[in-house]
């Protein structure tokens, strides 16, 4: 498992280098890094270590663990972690491409979204790894409860979350967008 963790951390580092090569900023243009940034409608959202979208990356880890358990449970746990990290790193790279940034701005409530800083992307990938680990050590019911609680919390507090984010990217809904902006 130690080799899988090292491999996963190397994947995160490689993704960070690629994001920098794509022109992503290393840290917030404000010039400092905060542990938490709680304003979703802000140019600093997705620029610091954690924000209201951090729970969705933890949920990625829970979901990847479950999906890899379903489809690849014969693979060693470490191999499944590496696969999950590769998928998360690929998402961070795609998410920060001009096409997806423009899509977020066009169909979601993220009008001020200009992509993640590299430090935010790295923190998101590490949070996925935490979610994967939690799924491994928690009872299934606790993982399901954590997923539901995190989604309910972000939907209640910021009118967004993993499921709404995916829905709005794939199949935008004026009703959902109007509800999100009404709060």
Protein backbone atom coordinates (compact mmCIF):
# COMPACT_ATOMS: atom_id res chain seq x y z
CA UNK A 1 0.00 0.00 0.00
CA UNK A 2 2.93 2.34 0.67
CA UNK A 3 3.96 2.12 -2.99
CA UNK A 4 0.40 2.92 -4.07
CA UNK A 5 0.31 5.99 -1.84
CA UNK A 6 3.67 7.15 -3.22
CA UNK A 7 2.46 6.50 -6.78
CA UNK A 8 -0.73 8.43 -6.07
CA UNK A 9 1.21 11.37 -4.65
CA UNK A 10 3.44 11.32 -7.75
CA UNK A 11 0.29 11.42 -9.91
CA UNK A 12 -0.90 14.45 -7.93
CA UNK A 13 2.49 16.13 -8.41
CA UNK A 14 2.48 15.35 -12.15
CA UNK A 15 -1.03 16.79 -12.47
CA UNK A 16 0.14 19.94 -10.66
CA UNK A 17 3.03 20.32 -13.10
CA UNK A 18 0.67 19.82 -16.03
CA UNK A 19 -1.77 22.39 -14.63
CA UNK A 20 1.08 24.88 -14.30
CA UNK A 21 2.11 24.12 -17.89
CA UNK A 22 -1.51 24.80 -18.93
CA UNK A 23 -1.14 28.29 -17.46
CA UNK A 24 -3.07 27.74 -14.23
CA UNK A 25 -1.98 30.06 -11.44
CA UNK A 26 -0.12 28.39 -8.55
CA UNK A 27 -2.01 30.26 -5.80
CA UNK A 28 -4.72 32.88 -5.57
CA UNK A 29 -3.88 36.07 -7.43
CA UNK A 30 -4.61 37.82 -4.12
CA UNK A 31 -1.09 36.71 -3.14
CA UNK A 32 -1.83 34.50 -0.14
CA UNK A 33 -3.29 31.09 0.66
CA UNK A 34 -6.15 30.60 3.08
CA UNK A 35 -7.06 27.26 4.63
CA UNK A 36 -10.76 28.01 3.98
CA UNK A 37 -12.58 30.39 1.65
CA UNK A 38 -16.31 30.35 2.28
CA UNK A 39 -17.68 32.73 -0.36
CA UNK A 40 -18.93 30.89 -3.43
CA UNK A 41 -19.72 34.01 -5.45
CA UNK A 42 -16.18 35.31 -5.36
CA UNK A 43 -13.15 35.47 -7.62
CA UNK A 44 -11.26 33.73 -4.77
CA UNK A 45 -13.50 30.65 -4.86
CA UNK A 46 -11.47 27.56 -5.86
CA UNK A 47 -8.27 29.54 -5.30
CA UNK A 48 -7.40 28.53 -1.73
CA UNK A 49 -6.90 25.15 -0.06
CA UNK A 50 -10.53 24.44 0.80
CA UNK A 51 -13.93 25.87 -0.06
CA UNK A 52 -17.55 24.77 -0.29
CA UNK A 53 -16.64 22.42 -3.15
CA UNK A 54 -14.08 20.52 -1.08
CA UNK A 55 -16.73 18.07 0.22
CA UNK A 56 -17.54 17.05 -3.36
CA UNK A 57 -13.96 15.82 -3.79
CA UNK A 58 -14.23 13.79 -0.60
CA UNK A 59 -17.38 12.31 -2.14
CA UNK A 60 -15.42 11.51 -5.31
CA UNK A 61 -13.21 9.30 -3.13
CA UNK A 62 -16.22 7.53 -1.61
CA UNK A 63 -17.76 7.02 -5.05
CA UNK A 64 -14.51 5.84 -6.68
CA UNK A 65 -13.93 3.36 -3.87
CA UNK A 66 -17.44 1.98 -4.32
CA UNK A 67 -17.28 1.83 -8.13
CA UNK A 68 -13.86 0.17 -8.10
CA UNK A 69 -15.07 -2.26 -5.44
CA UNK A 70 -18.00 -3.13 -7.70
CA UNK A 71 -16.06 -3.39 -10.94
CA UNK A 72 -12.51 -4.26 -9.93
CA UNK A 73 -12.58 -5.74 -6.45
CA UNK A 74 -10.06 -8.40 -7.44
CA UNK A 75 -7.45 -5.70 -7.95
CA UNK A 76 -5.36 -4.91 -4.91
CA UNK A 77 -6.56 -1.94 -2.86
CA UNK A 78 -3.42 0.03 -3.74
CA UNK A 79 -4.05 -0.44 -7.46
CA UNK A 80 -7.61 0.79 -7.01
CA UNK A 81 -6.29 3.88 -5.16
CA UNK A 82 -3.90 4.62 -8.04
CA UNK A 83 -6.75 4.26 -10.55
CA UNK A 84 -8.97 6.58 -8.48
CA UNK A 85 -6.13 9.12 -8.25
CA UNK A 86 -5.59 8.96 -12.02
CA UNK A 87 -9.30 9.60 -12.62
CA UNK A 88 -9.35 12.50 -10.14
CA UNK A 89 -6.19 14.01 -11.64
CA UNK A 90 -7.66 13.69 -15.14
CA UNK A 91 -10.81 15.45 -13.93
CA UNK A 92 -8.80 18.31 -12.41
CA UNK A 93 -6.98 18.76 -15.72
CA UNK A 94 -10.19 18.61 -17.79
CA UNK A 95 -12.07 20.82 -15.30
CA UNK A 96 -9.44 23.51 -15.74
CA UNK A 97 -9.51 23.45 -19.54
CA UNK A 98 -10.98 26.49 -21.27
CA UNK A 99 -13.91 24.45 -22.63
CA UNK A 100 -15.08 23.28 -19.19
CA UNK A 101 -14.43 26.64 -17.52
CA UNK A 102 -16.56 28.29 -20.22
CA UNK A 103 -19.23 25.60 -19.75
CA UNK A 104 -19.35 26.22 -15.99
CA UNK A 105 -19.74 29.94 -16.58
CA UNK A 106 -22.44 29.45 -19.23
CA UNK A 107 -24.74 26.91 -17.57
CA UNK A 108 -24.09 26.96 -13.82
CA UNK A 109 -24.23 29.59 -11.08
CA UNK A 110 -20.43 29.86 -11.25
CA UNK A 111 -20.33 33.11 -13.22
CA UNK A 112 -17.10 34.21 -11.53
CA UNK A 113 -15.38 30.85 -12.07
CA UNK A 114 -12.09 31.12 -13.95
CA UNK A 115 -10.69 27.73 -12.98
CA UNK A 116 -8.88 26.42 -9.92
CA UNK A 117 -5.51 27.52 -8.67
CA UNK A 118 -2.98 24.69 -8.70
CA UNK A 119 -2.91 24.57 -4.90
CA UNK A 120 -6.70 24.16 -4.86
CA UNK A 121 -6.53 21.36 -7.43
CA UNK A 122 -3.83 19.59 -5.40
CA UNK A 123 -5.96 19.93 -2.24
CA UNK A 124 -8.97 18.55 -4.16
CA UNK A 125 -7.00 15.51 -5.30
CA UNK A 126 -5.73 14.90 -1.76
CA UNK A 127 -9.30 15.22 -0.45
CA UNK A 128 -10.38 12.53 -2.92
CA UNK A 129 -7.68 10.30 -1.44
CA UNK A 130 -9.07 11.01 2.05
CA UNK A 131 -12.55 10.06 0.83
CA UNK A 132 -11.18 6.84 -0.66
CA UNK A 133 -9.50 6.00 2.65
CA UNK A 134 -12.68 6.82 4.60
CA UNK A 135 -14.69 4.50 2.36
CA UNK A 136 -12.16 1.78 3.12
CA UNK A 137 -12.32 2.14 6.91
CA UNK A 138 -15.91 3.21 7.53
CA UNK A 139 -18.84 0.82 7.56
CA UNK A 140 -20.89 1.05 4.35
CA UNK A 141 -23.77 2.73 6.19
CA UNK A 142 -21.44 5.41 7.54
CA UNK A 143 -20.05 6.07 4.04
CA UNK A 144 -23.57 6.39 2.64
CA UNK A 145 -24.57 8.66 5.53
CA UNK A 146 -21.46 10.80 4.98
CA UNK A 147 -22.28 11.11 1.28
CA UNK A 148 -25.89 12.10 1.95
CA UNK A 149 -24.94 14.49 4.78
CA UNK A 150 -22.25 16.26 2.73
CA UNK A 151 -24.59 16.68 -0.24
CA UNK A 152 -27.46 17.85 1.97
CA UNK A 153 -25.20 20.33 3.77
CA UNK A 154 -23.85 21.93 0.60
CA UNK A 155 -27.27 21.99 -1.07
CA UNK A 156 -28.77 23.64 2.01
CA UNK A 157 -25.94 26.11 2.63
CA UNK A 158 -24.84 27.09 -0.89
CA UNK A 159 -27.55 25.59 -3.14
CA UNK A 160 -24.95 23.49 -4.91
CA UNK A 161 -23.08 20.23 -4.48
CA UNK A 162 -21.67 17.29 -6.40
CA UNK A 163 -24.95 16.02 -7.81
CA UNK A 164 -26.25 19.48 -8.80
CA UNK A 165 -22.86 20.38 -10.27
CA UNK A 166 -22.81 17.26 -12.46
CA UNK A 167 -26.47 17.74 -13.43
CA UNK A 168 -25.89 21.34 -14.49
CA UNK A 169 -22.79 20.49 -16.51
CA UNK A 170 -24.43 17.60 -18.37
CA UNK A 171 -28.07 18.62 -18.54
CA UNK A 172 -28.56 22.27 -17.54
CA UNK A 173 -31.92 23.16 -16.06
CA UNK A 174 -33.30 26.69 -15.90
CA UNK A 175 -35.43 25.65 -12.93
CA UNK A 176 -32.38 24.48 -10.96
CA UNK A 177 -30.34 27.53 -11.96
CA UNK A 178 -33.17 29.90 -10.96
CA UNK A 179 -33.47 28.14 -7.60
CA UNK A 180 -29.70 28.33 -7.08
CA UNK A 181 -29.53 32.06 -7.80
CA UNK A 182 -32.62 32.87 -5.70
CA UNK A 183 -30.77 32.22 -2.45
